Amino acid sequence: MNVILLGPPGVGKGTAAKRMVEVYGVPQISTGDLLREAVKNKTDLGLKAKKYMDAGELVPDDLVIGLLKERVAKQDCRKGFILDGFPRTIPQAESLDASGIRIDVVVNLHADESVIIERLSGRRDCPKCGAIYHVKNKPPKKAGICDACQSELITRDDQKEEVIQNRLQVYRKQTEPLIRYYEKKGIQKTINAVQTIEKVFEDIQKAIGQA
């Protein structure tokens, strides 16, 4: 069960991946984490990637694919894996295909942009204890104040509406074309992400044939 999770920022990919890891015992693989780990461990690929990262440049796709091939060959991936955040573009998807890494299902989590903007812009974080609130869905007892430690809640820069709009625009331009790409291959399944967590996961289980 080798799965790619697709969907715009704020749609719930992280929550879905966490549940899948718990239920199926397969790892969630983030290419960002792979790069940081390779750099930290000073592997051959990590040292090559570090040159690009230190220069503020994007790490070439072939290096990222090389790290992925090493990762999915490990023992904990024998039952499958979940790719979250990669591929982001058509060229990356094509490189992934050419690498020989098999993908069984692409789960596309869908929600209207208005819902995503409301979700993300309504989030409030406690800078002291890390508690997370939402002005509508999970408000603190006292507006703007953390229930747990009484600190003043903050809105992170990436939760401001203009930043969210920009993130969504980048997604539409770069990543959304992957939906059609995988549709043509017959492995793309779209899930309504505007449901309870339980219902979303139930639909994911059906989509990947594990219900």
N, C-alpha and C. Protein backbone atom coordinates (compact mmCIF):
# COMPACT_ATOMS: atom_id res chain seq x y z
N MET A 1 0.84 -1.19 0.00
CA MET A 1 0.00 0.00 0.00
C MET A 1 0.88 1.25 0.00
N ASN A 2 1.30 1.65 -1.18
CA ASN A 2 2.14 2.84 -1.32
C ASN A 2 1.25 4.00 -1.76
N VAL A 3 1.12 4.99 -0.87
CA VAL A 3 0.10 6.03 -1.05
C VAL A 3 0.73 7.41 -1.11
N ILE A 4 0.21 8.25 -2.02
CA ILE A 4 0.53 9.68 -2.05
C ILE A 4 -0.69 10.42 -1.52
N LEU A 5 -0.46 11.36 -0.60
CA LEU A 5 -1.54 12.24 -0.14
C LEU A 5 -1.41 13.58 -0.84
N LEU A 6 -2.47 13.96 -1.55
CA LEU A 6 -2.51 15.24 -2.24
C LEU A 6 -3.55 16.14 -1.59
N GLY A 7 -3.39 17.44 -1.78
CA GLY A 7 -4.38 18.37 -1.27
C GLY A 7 -3.74 19.69 -0.89
N PRO A 8 -4.50 20.76 -0.90
CA PRO A 8 -3.95 22.09 -0.58
C PRO A 8 -3.57 22.21 0.89
N PRO A 9 -2.81 23.25 1.24
CA PRO A 9 -2.46 23.46 2.65
C PRO A 9 -3.72 23.65 3.48
N GLY A 10 -3.73 23.05 4.67
CA GLY A 10 -4.86 23.22 5.57
C GLY A 10 -6.01 22.26 5.34
N VAL A 11 -5.86 21.33 4.40
CA VAL A 11 -6.98 20.43 4.08
C VAL A 11 -7.05 19.22 5.03
N GLY A 12 -5.97 18.98 5.76
CA GLY A 12 -5.99 17.88 6.73
C GLY A 12 -5.12 16.68 6.37
N LYS A 13 -4.13 16.89 5.51
CA LYS A 13 -3.26 15.77 5.10
C LYS A 13 -2.49 15.22 6.29
N GLY A 14 -1.99 16.11 7.14
CA GLY A 14 -1.21 15.66 8.29
C GLY A 14 -2.03 14.81 9.24
N THR A 15 -3.27 15.22 9.48
CA THR A 15 -4.16 14.45 10.37
C THR A 15 -4.46 13.08 9.76
N ALA A 16 -4.74 13.07 8.46
CA ALA A 16 -5.04 11.80 7.78
C ALA A 16 -3.84 10.87 7.80
N ALA A 17 -2.66 11.42 7.55
CA ALA A 17 -1.44 10.61 7.54
C ALA A 17 -1.17 10.01 8.92
N LYS A 18 -1.37 10.81 9.95
CA LYS A 18 -1.13 10.33 11.31
C LYS A 18 -2.03 9.13 11.63
N ARG A 19 -3.32 9.24 11.23
CA ARG A 19 -4.25 8.15 11.48
C ARG A 19 -3.86 6.89 10.70
N MET A 20 -3.42 7.07 9.46
CA MET A 20 -3.01 5.94 8.64
C MET A 20 -1.79 5.24 9.24
N VAL A 21 -0.85 6.02 9.75
CA VAL A 21 0.34 5.45 10.39
C VAL A 21 -0.07 4.60 11.58
N GLU A 22 -1.00 5.13 12.39
CA GLU A 22 -1.44 4.42 13.59
C GLU A 22 -2.15 3.11 13.24
N VAL A 23 -3.02 3.16 12.23
CA VAL A 23 -3.86 2.00 11.90
C VAL A 23 -3.09 0.94 11.11
N TYR A 24 -2.29 1.37 10.16
CA TYR A 24 -1.65 0.42 9.24
C TYR A 24 -0.18 0.12 9.55
N GLY A 25 0.41 0.91 10.43
CA GLY A 25 1.81 0.65 10.80
C GLY A 25 2.79 0.90 9.67
N VAL A 26 2.45 1.83 8.77
CA VAL A 26 3.37 2.19 7.69
C VAL A 26 3.90 3.60 7.97
N PRO A 27 5.11 3.91 7.53
CA PRO A 27 5.68 5.22 7.83
C PRO A 27 5.15 6.33 6.93
N GLN A 28 5.06 7.52 7.50
CA GLN A 28 4.79 8.73 6.72
C GLN A 28 6.14 9.32 6.34
N ILE A 29 6.35 9.54 5.07
CA ILE A 29 7.64 10.02 4.60
C ILE A 29 7.52 11.46 4.10
N SER A 30 8.29 12.33 4.73
CA SER A 30 8.36 13.73 4.32
C SER A 30 9.73 13.97 3.70
N THR A 31 9.76 14.48 2.48
CA THR A 31 11.06 14.70 1.83
C THR A 31 11.86 15.78 2.56
N GLY A 32 11.16 16.72 3.18
CA GLY A 32 11.87 17.74 3.97
C GLY A 32 12.62 17.10 5.12
N ASP A 33 11.96 16.17 5.80
CA ASP A 33 12.61 15.45 6.91
C ASP A 33 13.78 14.62 6.40
N LEU A 34 13.58 13.97 5.24
CA LEU A 34 14.66 13.16 4.66
C LEU A 34 15.90 14.00 4.37
N LEU A 35 15.68 15.19 3.81
CA LEU A 35 16.79 16.08 3.49
C LEU A 35 17.52 16.52 4.75
N ARG A 36 16.77 16.92 5.76
CA ARG A 36 17.39 17.39 7.01
C ARG A 36 18.19 16.27 7.68
N GLU A 37 17.63 15.06 7.65
CA GLU A 37 18.32 13.92 8.26
C GLU A 37 19.60 13.56 7.51
N ALA A 38 19.53 13.59 6.17
CA ALA A 38 20.69 13.26 5.35
C ALA A 38 21.81 14.28 5.56
N VAL A 39 21.43 15.55 5.68
CA VAL A 39 22.42 16.60 5.93
C VAL A 39 23.05 16.41 7.31
N LYS A 40 22.20 16.14 8.30
CA LYS A 40 22.67 15.93 9.68
C LYS A 40 23.64 14.76 9.76
N ASN A 41 23.31 13.66 9.04
CA ASN A 41 24.14 12.44 9.09
C ASN A 41 25.32 12.48 8.12
N LYS A 42 25.38 13.56 7.33
CA LYS A 42 26.48 13.77 6.38
C LYS A 42 26.64 12.61 5.41
N THR A 43 25.51 12.10 4.90
CA THR A 43 25.58 11.06 3.88
C THR A 43 26.03 11.69 2.56
N ASP A 44 26.37 10.86 1.58
CA ASP A 44 26.81 11.39 0.28
C ASP A 44 25.75 12.30 -0.32
N LEU A 45 24.50 11.81 -0.34
CA LEU A 45 23.41 12.62 -0.90
C LEU A 45 23.15 13.85 -0.04
N GLY A 46 23.29 13.68 1.28
CA GLY A 46 23.09 14.80 2.19
C GLY A 46 24.09 15.91 1.97
N LEU A 47 25.35 15.56 1.75
CA LEU A 47 26.39 16.57 1.50
C LEU A 47 26.14 17.30 0.19
N LYS A 48 25.65 16.55 -0.82
CA LYS A 48 25.32 17.19 -2.10
C LYS A 48 24.14 18.15 -1.93
N ALA A 49 23.13 17.68 -1.19
CA ALA A 49 21.93 18.51 -0.98
C ALA A 49 22.27 19.77 -0.18
N LYS A 50 23.19 19.65 0.77
CA LYS A 50 23.54 20.76 1.64
C LYS A 50 24.07 21.96 0.85
N LYS A 51 24.80 21.69 -0.22
CA LYS A 51 25.35 22.78 -1.04
C LYS A 51 24.22 23.64 -1.60
N TYR A 52 23.14 22.98 -2.04
CA TYR A 52 22.00 23.73 -2.58
C TYR A 52 21.24 24.45 -1.46
N MET A 53 21.04 23.75 -0.34
CA MET A 53 20.30 24.33 0.78
C MET A 53 21.02 25.53 1.36
N ASP A 54 22.35 25.44 1.48
CA ASP A 54 23.14 26.55 2.03
C ASP A 54 23.10 27.77 1.11
N ALA A 55 22.93 27.51 -0.18
CA ALA A 55 22.87 28.61 -1.15
C ALA A 55 21.45 29.15 -1.32
N GLY A 56 20.51 28.54 -0.57
CA GLY A 56 19.12 28.99 -0.66
C GLY A 56 18.43 28.54 -1.93
N GLU A 57 18.97 27.50 -2.55
CA GLU A 57 18.40 26.99 -3.80
C GLU A 57 17.59 25.71 -3.54
N LEU A 58 16.69 25.40 -4.47
CA LEU A 58 15.93 24.16 -4.37
C LEU A 58 16.85 22.97 -4.64
N VAL A 59 16.68 21.94 -3.86
CA VAL A 59 17.45 20.71 -4.08
C VAL A 59 16.91 20.03 -5.35
N PRO A 60 17.77 19.67 -6.29
CA PRO A 60 17.31 19.05 -7.55
C PRO A 60 16.49 17.78 -7.30
N ASP A 61 15.53 17.55 -8.17
CA ASP A 61 14.63 16.41 -8.01
C ASP A 61 15.36 15.08 -7.96
N ASP A 62 16.45 14.95 -8.75
CA ASP A 62 17.14 13.66 -8.78
C ASP A 62 17.77 13.32 -7.43
N LEU A 63 18.19 14.34 -6.68
CA LEU A 63 18.73 14.10 -5.35
C LEU A 63 17.63 13.67 -4.38
N VAL A 64 16.49 14.36 -4.48
CA VAL A 64 15.35 14.02 -3.62
C VAL A 64 14.88 12.59 -3.90
N ILE A 65 14.80 12.25 -5.18
CA ILE A 65 14.38 10.89 -5.57
C ILE A 65 15.39 9.86 -5.04
N GLY A 66 16.66 10.20 -5.09
CA GLY A 66 17.69 9.31 -4.57
C GLY A 66 17.49 9.02 -3.08
N LEU A 67 17.17 10.07 -2.33
CA LEU A 67 16.89 9.90 -0.90
C LEU A 67 15.64 9.05 -0.68
N LEU A 68 14.63 9.28 -1.51
CA LEU A 68 13.38 8.51 -1.41
C LEU A 68 13.63 7.02 -1.67
N LYS A 69 14.43 6.73 -2.69
CA LYS A 69 14.71 5.33 -3.03
C LYS A 69 15.41 4.64 -1.87
N GLU A 70 16.34 5.34 -1.23
CA GLU A 70 17.02 4.78 -0.07
C GLU A 70 16.02 4.53 1.07
N ARG A 71 15.11 5.49 1.25
CA ARG A 71 14.18 5.40 2.39
C ARG A 71 13.17 4.26 2.21
N VAL A 72 12.59 4.15 1.01
CA VAL A 72 11.54 3.14 0.82
C VAL A 72 12.11 1.73 0.74
N ALA A 73 13.45 1.62 0.63
CA ALA A 73 14.08 0.30 0.63
C ALA A 73 14.27 -0.24 2.05
N LYS A 74 14.00 0.59 3.05
CA LYS A 74 14.20 0.16 4.44
C LYS A 74 13.09 -0.78 4.88
N GLN A 75 13.40 -1.54 5.94
CA GLN A 75 12.52 -2.61 6.41
C GLN A 75 11.12 -2.11 6.80
N ASP A 76 11.03 -0.91 7.38
CA ASP A 76 9.72 -0.44 7.86
C ASP A 76 8.77 -0.06 6.73
N CYS A 77 9.28 -0.05 5.49
CA CYS A 77 8.42 0.26 4.34
C CYS A 77 7.94 -1.00 3.62
N ARG A 78 8.22 -2.17 4.21
CA ARG A 78 7.89 -3.41 3.49
C ARG A 78 6.38 -3.56 3.29
N LYS A 79 5.57 -3.00 4.20
CA LYS A 79 4.10 -3.05 4.04
C LYS A 79 3.56 -1.84 3.30
N GLY A 80 4.43 -0.87 3.02
CA GLY A 80 4.00 0.33 2.31
C GLY A 80 4.48 1.59 2.98
N PHE A 81 4.05 2.73 2.43
CA PHE A 81 4.46 4.02 2.95
C PHE A 81 3.47 5.09 2.49
N ILE A 82 3.54 6.23 3.15
CA ILE A 82 2.69 7.38 2.80
C ILE A 82 3.59 8.54 2.44
N LEU A 83 3.46 9.04 1.22
CA LEU A 83 4.22 10.21 0.80
C LEU A 83 3.36 11.46 1.00
N ASP A 84 3.85 12.39 1.80
CA ASP A 84 3.12 13.63 2.07
C ASP A 84 4.02 14.81 1.71
N GLY A 85 3.61 15.59 0.72
CA GLY A 85 4.42 16.74 0.32
C GLY A 85 5.31 16.49 -0.87
N PHE A 86 5.24 15.32 -1.44
CA PHE A 86 6.00 14.99 -2.64
C PHE A 86 5.24 13.91 -3.41
N PRO A 87 5.13 14.05 -4.73
CA PRO A 87 5.60 15.14 -5.57
C PRO A 87 4.72 16.38 -5.44
N ARG A 88 5.32 17.53 -5.79
CA ARG A 88 4.58 18.79 -5.79
C ARG A 88 4.32 19.31 -7.21
N THR A 89 5.08 18.77 -8.17
CA THR A 89 4.97 19.24 -9.56
C THR A 89 4.91 18.05 -10.51
N ILE A 90 4.48 18.32 -11.74
CA ILE A 90 4.46 17.28 -12.77
C ILE A 90 5.86 16.71 -13.02
N PRO A 91 6.90 17.54 -13.19
CA PRO A 91 8.24 16.97 -13.39
C PRO A 91 8.67 16.06 -12.25
N GLN A 92 8.31 16.40 -11.01
CA GLN A 92 8.64 15.53 -9.88
C GLN A 92 7.90 14.20 -9.97
N ALA A 93 6.63 14.26 -10.38
CA ALA A 93 5.84 13.03 -10.54
C ALA A 93 6.44 12.15 -11.63
N GLU A 94 6.89 12.78 -12.71
CA GLU A 94 7.51 12.02 -13.80
C GLU A 94 8.82 11.38 -13.35
N SER A 95 9.60 12.13 -12.54
CA SER A 95 10.85 11.58 -12.00
C SER A 95 10.57 10.41 -11.07
N LEU A 96 9.49 10.54 -10.29
CA LEU A 96 9.10 9.46 -9.38
C LEU A 96 8.73 8.21 -10.16
N ASP A 97 7.97 8.39 -11.24
CA ASP A 97 7.60 7.27 -12.10
C ASP A 97 8.84 6.59 -12.68
N ALA A 98 9.78 7.42 -13.13
CA ALA A 98 10.98 6.89 -13.78
C ALA A 98 11.90 6.17 -12.79
N SER A 99 11.75 6.47 -11.50
CA SER A 99 12.65 5.91 -10.49
C SER A 99 12.34 4.45 -10.18
N GLY A 100 11.14 4.01 -10.56
CA GLY A 100 10.75 2.64 -10.26
C GLY A 100 10.04 2.49 -8.92
N ILE A 101 9.86 3.59 -8.20
CA ILE A 101 9.11 3.54 -6.94
C ILE A 101 7.63 3.40 -7.28
N ARG A 102 7.01 2.32 -6.84
CA ARG A 102 5.62 2.04 -7.20
C ARG A 102 4.65 2.84 -6.31
N ILE A 103 3.67 3.44 -6.94
CA ILE A 103 2.60 4.13 -6.21
C ILE A 103 1.29 3.42 -6.53
N ASP A 104 0.57 2.99 -5.49
CA ASP A 104 -0.68 2.25 -5.69
C ASP A 104 -1.90 3.16 -5.78
N VAL A 105 -1.98 4.13 -4.88
CA VAL A 105 -3.14 5.02 -4.82
C VAL A 105 -2.70 6.44 -4.50
N VAL A 106 -3.35 7.40 -5.15
CA VAL A 106 -3.15 8.81 -4.83
C VAL A 106 -4.46 9.32 -4.23
N VAL A 107 -4.42 9.68 -2.96
CA VAL A 107 -5.62 10.17 -2.27
C VAL A 107 -5.60 11.69 -2.29
N ASN A 108 -6.58 12.27 -2.98
CA ASN A 108 -6.69 13.72 -3.09
C ASN A 108 -7.76 14.22 -2.13
N LEU A 109 -7.32 14.93 -1.09
CA LEU A 109 -8.26 15.49 -0.12
C LEU A 109 -8.73 16.85 -0.64
N HIS A 110 -10.05 16.97 -0.80
CA HIS A 110 -10.61 18.20 -1.41
C HIS A 110 -11.45 18.99 -0.42
N ALA A 111 -11.28 20.30 -0.44
CA ALA A 111 -12.15 21.22 0.30
C ALA A 111 -12.15 22.54 -0.46
N ASP A 112 -13.28 23.24 -0.45
CA ASP A 112 -13.34 24.55 -1.09
C ASP A 112 -12.35 25.50 -0.42
N GLU A 113 -11.82 26.42 -1.22
CA GLU A 113 -10.81 27.34 -0.68
C GLU A 113 -11.37 28.19 0.46
N SER A 114 -12.64 28.53 0.41
CA SER A 114 -13.23 29.34 1.48
C SER A 114 -13.16 28.60 2.82
N VAL A 115 -13.35 27.28 2.77
CA VAL A 115 -13.27 26.46 3.98
C VAL A 115 -11.84 26.43 4.51
N ILE A 116 -10.88 26.28 3.59
CA ILE A 116 -9.47 26.22 3.99
C ILE A 116 -9.03 27.54 4.61
N ILE A 117 -9.44 28.65 3.99
CA ILE A 117 -9.07 29.97 4.52
C ILE A 117 -9.65 30.15 5.92
N GLU A 118 -10.89 29.72 6.11
CA GLU A 118 -11.51 29.84 7.43
C GLU A 118 -10.78 28.97 8.46
N ARG A 119 -10.41 27.76 8.05
CA ARG A 119 -9.69 26.85 8.94
C ARG A 119 -8.36 27.45 9.38
N LEU A 120 -7.59 27.91 8.42
CA LEU A 120 -6.23 28.36 8.71
C LEU A 120 -6.20 29.73 9.38
N SER A 121 -7.02 30.65 8.89
CA SER A 121 -6.97 32.01 9.43
C SER A 121 -7.59 32.08 10.83
N GLY A 122 -8.44 31.08 11.17
CA GLY A 122 -9.06 31.08 12.49
C GLY A 122 -8.22 30.41 13.56
N ARG A 123 -7.10 29.83 13.17
CA ARG A 123 -6.25 29.13 14.14
C ARG A 123 -5.50 30.14 15.01
N ARG A 124 -5.38 29.80 16.29
CA ARG A 124 -4.61 30.60 17.24
C ARG A 124 -3.69 29.67 18.03
N ASP A 125 -2.44 30.09 18.21
CA ASP A 125 -1.44 29.26 18.88
C ASP A 125 -0.99 29.91 20.18
N CYS A 126 -0.68 29.06 21.16
CA CYS A 126 -0.08 29.55 22.39
C CYS A 126 1.44 29.47 22.24
N PRO A 127 2.13 30.61 22.29
CA PRO A 127 3.59 30.60 22.10
C PRO A 127 4.34 29.98 23.26
N LYS A 128 3.65 29.82 24.40
CA LYS A 128 4.33 29.29 25.59
C LYS A 128 4.20 27.78 25.72
N CYS A 129 2.96 27.25 25.71
CA CYS A 129 2.78 25.81 25.94
C CYS A 129 2.46 25.03 24.67
N GLY A 130 2.23 25.73 23.54
CA GLY A 130 2.01 25.05 22.27
C GLY A 130 0.58 24.62 22.01
N ALA A 131 -0.36 24.98 22.92
CA ALA A 131 -1.76 24.62 22.71
C ALA A 131 -2.30 25.32 21.46
N ILE A 132 -3.22 24.64 20.77
CA ILE A 132 -3.78 25.18 19.52
C ILE A 132 -5.29 25.35 19.68
N TYR A 133 -5.78 26.49 19.23
CA TYR A 133 -7.22 26.79 19.30
C TYR A 133 -7.71 27.24 17.92
N HIS A 134 -9.03 27.37 17.82
CA HIS A 134 -9.63 27.92 16.61
C HIS A 134 -10.79 28.81 17.05
N VAL A 135 -10.84 30.00 16.48
CA VAL A 135 -11.82 30.98 16.96
C VAL A 135 -13.26 30.48 16.83
N LYS A 136 -13.49 29.57 15.87
CA LYS A 136 -14.84 29.05 15.66
C LYS A 136 -15.00 27.62 16.17
N ASN A 137 -14.08 26.75 15.79
CA ASN A 137 -14.23 25.33 16.07
C ASN A 137 -13.74 24.89 17.45
N LYS A 138 -12.77 25.62 18.00
CA LYS A 138 -12.23 25.26 19.31
C LYS A 138 -11.75 26.52 20.03
N PRO A 139 -12.69 27.41 20.37
CA PRO A 139 -12.29 28.68 20.99
C PRO A 139 -11.83 28.49 22.43
N PRO A 140 -10.90 29.35 22.90
CA PRO A 140 -10.52 29.31 24.31
C PRO A 140 -11.67 29.85 25.16
N LYS A 141 -11.64 29.54 26.46
CA LYS A 141 -12.71 30.01 27.35
C LYS A 141 -12.76 31.53 27.39
N LYS A 142 -11.58 32.14 27.39
CA LYS A 142 -11.49 33.60 27.35
C LYS A 142 -10.82 34.00 26.05
N ALA A 143 -11.49 34.85 25.27
CA ALA A 143 -10.99 35.21 23.94
C ALA A 143 -9.54 35.68 23.98
N GLY A 144 -8.71 35.03 23.15
CA GLY A 144 -7.32 35.45 23.01
C GLY A 144 -6.38 34.98 24.09
N ILE A 145 -6.89 34.18 25.06
CA ILE A 145 -6.06 33.73 26.18
C ILE A 145 -6.06 32.20 26.25
N CYS A 146 -4.87 31.63 26.43
CA CYS A 146 -4.74 30.17 26.52
C CYS A 146 -5.39 29.63 27.79
N ASP A 147 -6.21 28.61 27.64
CA ASP A 147 -6.86 27.98 28.80
C ASP A 147 -5.83 27.38 29.75
N ALA A 148 -4.77 26.79 29.17
CA ALA A 148 -3.82 26.01 29.96
C ALA A 148 -2.86 26.87 30.78
N CYS A 149 -2.31 27.92 30.14
CA CYS A 149 -1.25 28.68 30.83
C CYS A 149 -1.51 30.18 30.90
N GLN A 150 -2.66 30.61 30.40
CA GLN A 150 -3.09 32.02 30.47
C GLN A 150 -2.24 32.97 29.63
N SER A 151 -1.43 32.42 28.72
CA SER A 151 -0.64 33.28 27.83
C SER A 151 -1.53 33.85 26.73
N GLU A 152 -1.08 34.94 26.14
CA GLU A 152 -1.83 35.55 25.04
C GLU A 152 -1.60 34.76 23.76
N LEU A 153 -2.68 34.39 23.09
CA LEU A 153 -2.58 33.60 21.87
C LEU A 153 -2.11 34.46 20.70
N ILE A 154 -1.45 33.81 19.75
CA ILE A 154 -0.93 34.53 18.58
C ILE A 154 -1.47 33.93 17.28
N THR A 155 -1.42 34.75 16.23
CA THR A 155 -1.69 34.28 14.87
C THR A 155 -0.35 34.24 14.14
N ARG A 156 0.07 33.06 13.71
CA ARG A 156 1.35 32.96 13.00
C ARG A 156 1.24 33.64 11.64
N ASP A 157 2.41 34.03 11.11
CA ASP A 157 2.42 34.71 9.81
C ASP A 157 1.77 33.87 8.72
N ASP A 158 2.00 32.55 8.75
CA ASP A 158 1.46 31.70 7.69
C ASP A 158 -0.03 31.43 7.87
N GLN A 159 -0.63 32.01 8.93
CA GLN A 159 -2.08 31.87 9.13
C GLN A 159 -2.82 33.16 8.79
N LYS A 160 -2.09 34.16 8.30
CA LYS A 160 -2.72 35.41 7.89
C LYS A 160 -3.32 35.23 6.50
N GLU A 161 -4.48 35.85 6.30
CA GLU A 161 -5.26 35.52 5.09
C GLU A 161 -4.50 35.78 3.80
N GLU A 162 -3.73 36.89 3.74
CA GLU A 162 -3.01 37.19 2.49
C GLU A 162 -1.94 36.14 2.21
N VAL A 163 -1.32 35.59 3.27
CA VAL A 163 -0.31 34.54 3.10
C VAL A 163 -0.97 33.24 2.66
N ILE A 164 -2.13 32.94 3.26
CA ILE A 164 -2.88 31.73 2.89
C ILE A 164 -3.28 31.80 1.42
N GLN A 165 -3.76 32.97 0.99
CA GLN A 165 -4.16 33.14 -0.41
C GLN A 165 -2.99 32.86 -1.34
N ASN A 166 -1.80 33.32 -0.95
CA ASN A 166 -0.61 33.10 -1.77
C ASN A 166 -0.24 31.62 -1.81
N ARG A 167 -0.33 30.94 -0.65
CA ARG A 167 -0.02 29.51 -0.59
C ARG A 167 -0.98 28.71 -1.48
N LEU A 168 -2.25 29.11 -1.47
CA LEU A 168 -3.24 28.42 -2.30
C LEU A 168 -2.98 28.67 -3.78
N GLN A 169 -2.54 29.88 -4.10
CA GLN A 169 -2.25 30.20 -5.50
C GLN A 169 -1.07 29.36 -6.01
N VAL A 170 -0.04 29.21 -5.17
CA VAL A 170 1.11 28.38 -5.53
C VAL A 170 0.65 26.93 -5.72
N TYR A 171 -0.22 26.46 -4.83
CA TYR A 171 -0.74 25.09 -4.94
C TYR A 171 -1.49 24.91 -6.26
N ARG A 172 -2.38 25.85 -6.58
CA ARG A 172 -3.17 25.74 -7.83
C ARG A 172 -2.26 25.66 -9.05
N LYS A 173 -1.21 26.45 -9.04
CA LYS A 173 -0.33 26.53 -10.20
C LYS A 173 0.58 25.31 -10.31
N GLN A 174 1.18 24.90 -9.18
CA GLN A 174 2.21 23.87 -9.23
C GLN A 174 1.70 22.46 -9.00
N THR A 175 0.82 22.30 -8.02
CA THR A 175 0.49 20.95 -7.54
C THR A 175 -0.86 20.43 -8.03
N GLU A 176 -1.84 21.31 -8.19
CA GLU A 176 -3.16 20.86 -8.60
C GLU A 176 -3.15 20.07 -9.92
N PRO A 177 -2.28 20.41 -10.88
CA PRO A 177 -2.23 19.61 -12.12
C PRO A 177 -1.94 18.12 -11.88
N LEU A 178 -1.38 17.78 -10.73
CA LEU A 178 -1.09 16.36 -10.43
C LEU A 178 -2.38 15.54 -10.33
N ILE A 179 -3.49 16.19 -9.97
CA ILE A 179 -4.76 15.47 -9.85
C ILE A 179 -5.11 14.85 -11.19
N ARG A 180 -5.04 15.64 -12.24
CA ARG A 180 -5.33 15.15 -13.59
C ARG A 180 -4.28 14.13 -14.04
N TYR A 181 -3.03 14.38 -13.68
CA TYR A 181 -1.93 13.48 -14.05
C TYR A 181 -2.20 12.07 -13.54
N TYR A 182 -2.60 11.97 -12.28
CA TYR A 182 -2.84 10.65 -11.68
C TYR A 182 -4.22 10.09 -12.04
N GLU A 183 -5.15 10.98 -12.40
CA GLU A 183 -6.44 10.52 -12.92
C GLU A 183 -6.22 9.71 -14.19
N LYS A 184 -5.36 10.22 -15.05
CA LYS A 184 -5.08 9.54 -16.32
C LYS A 184 -4.46 8.16 -16.09
N LYS A 185 -3.77 8.01 -14.99
CA LYS A 185 -3.16 6.72 -14.67
C LYS A 185 -4.16 5.78 -13.97
N GLY A 186 -5.31 6.34 -13.61
CA GLY A 186 -6.36 5.53 -13.00
C GLY A 186 -6.13 5.19 -11.54
N ILE A 187 -5.29 5.97 -10.85
CA ILE A 187 -5.00 5.64 -9.44
C ILE A 187 -5.38 6.78 -8.49
N GLN A 188 -6.02 7.83 -9.00
CA GLN A 188 -6.37 8.97 -8.17
C GLN A 188 -7.77 8.85 -7.61
N LYS A 189 -7.92 9.05 -6.30
CA LYS A 189 -9.22 9.01 -5.63
C LYS A 189 -9.42 10.31 -4.87
N THR A 190 -10.53 11.00 -5.14
CA THR A 190 -10.81 12.26 -4.44
C THR A 190 -11.73 12.01 -3.26
N ILE A 191 -11.34 12.59 -2.11
CA ILE A 191 -12.09 12.44 -0.86
C ILE A 191 -12.58 13.82 -0.42
N ASN A 192 -13.83 13.89 0.02
CA ASN A 192 -14.36 15.13 0.59
C ASN A 192 -13.76 15.33 1.98
N ALA A 193 -12.94 16.37 2.13
CA ALA A 193 -12.26 16.60 3.40
C ALA A 193 -13.09 17.43 4.38
N VAL A 194 -14.26 17.88 3.93
CA VAL A 194 -15.11 18.69 4.82
C VAL A 194 -16.13 17.77 5.50
N GLN A 195 -15.60 16.85 6.28
CA GLN A 195 -16.41 15.90 7.04
C GLN A 195 -15.70 15.68 8.38
N THR A 196 -16.30 14.89 9.23
CA THR A 196 -15.61 14.56 10.48
C THR A 196 -14.33 13.79 10.15
N ILE A 197 -13.39 13.83 11.06
CA ILE A 197 -12.13 13.10 10.88
C ILE A 197 -12.42 11.62 10.67
N GLU A 198 -13.39 11.09 11.42
CA GLU A 198 -13.74 9.67 11.31
C GLU A 198 -14.26 9.34 9.92
N LYS A 199 -15.12 10.20 9.37
CA LYS A 199 -15.71 9.93 8.05
C LYS A 199 -14.65 10.08 6.95
N VAL A 200 -13.78 11.07 7.09
CA VAL A 200 -12.69 11.24 6.11
C VAL A 200 -11.83 9.99 6.09
N PHE A 201 -11.48 9.48 7.28
CA PHE A 201 -10.62 8.30 7.33
C PHE A 201 -11.34 7.07 6.78
N GLU A 202 -12.64 6.97 7.05
CA GLU A 202 -13.42 5.86 6.51
C GLU A 202 -13.39 5.87 4.98
N ASP A 203 -13.53 7.06 4.40
CA ASP A 203 -13.46 7.20 2.94
C ASP A 203 -12.07 6.89 2.39
N ILE A 204 -11.05 7.27 3.15
CA ILE A 204 -9.67 6.95 2.74
C ILE A 204 -9.47 5.44 2.72
N GLN A 205 -9.98 4.75 3.75
CA GLN A 205 -9.86 3.29 3.81
C GLN A 205 -10.50 2.63 2.59
N LYS A 206 -11.66 3.14 2.19
CA LYS A 206 -12.33 2.61 0.99
C LYS A 206 -11.49 2.89 -0.25
N ALA A 207 -10.94 4.09 -0.32
CA ALA A 207 -10.17 4.50 -1.50
C ALA A 207 -8.92 3.64 -1.69
N ILE A 208 -8.31 3.24 -0.59
CA ILE A 208 -7.07 2.47 -0.70
C ILE A 208 -7.34 0.95 -0.60
N GLY A 209 -8.62 0.60 -0.54
CA GLY A 209 -8.97 -0.81 -0.52
C GLY A 209 -8.69 -1.50 0.79
N GLN A 210 -8.74 -0.74 1.89
CA GLN A 210 -8.44 -1.31 3.20
C GLN A 210 -9.64 -1.21 4.15
N ALA A 211 -10.83 -0.97 3.61
CA ALA A 211 -12.01 -0.80 4.49
C ALA A 211 -12.41 -2.14 5.08
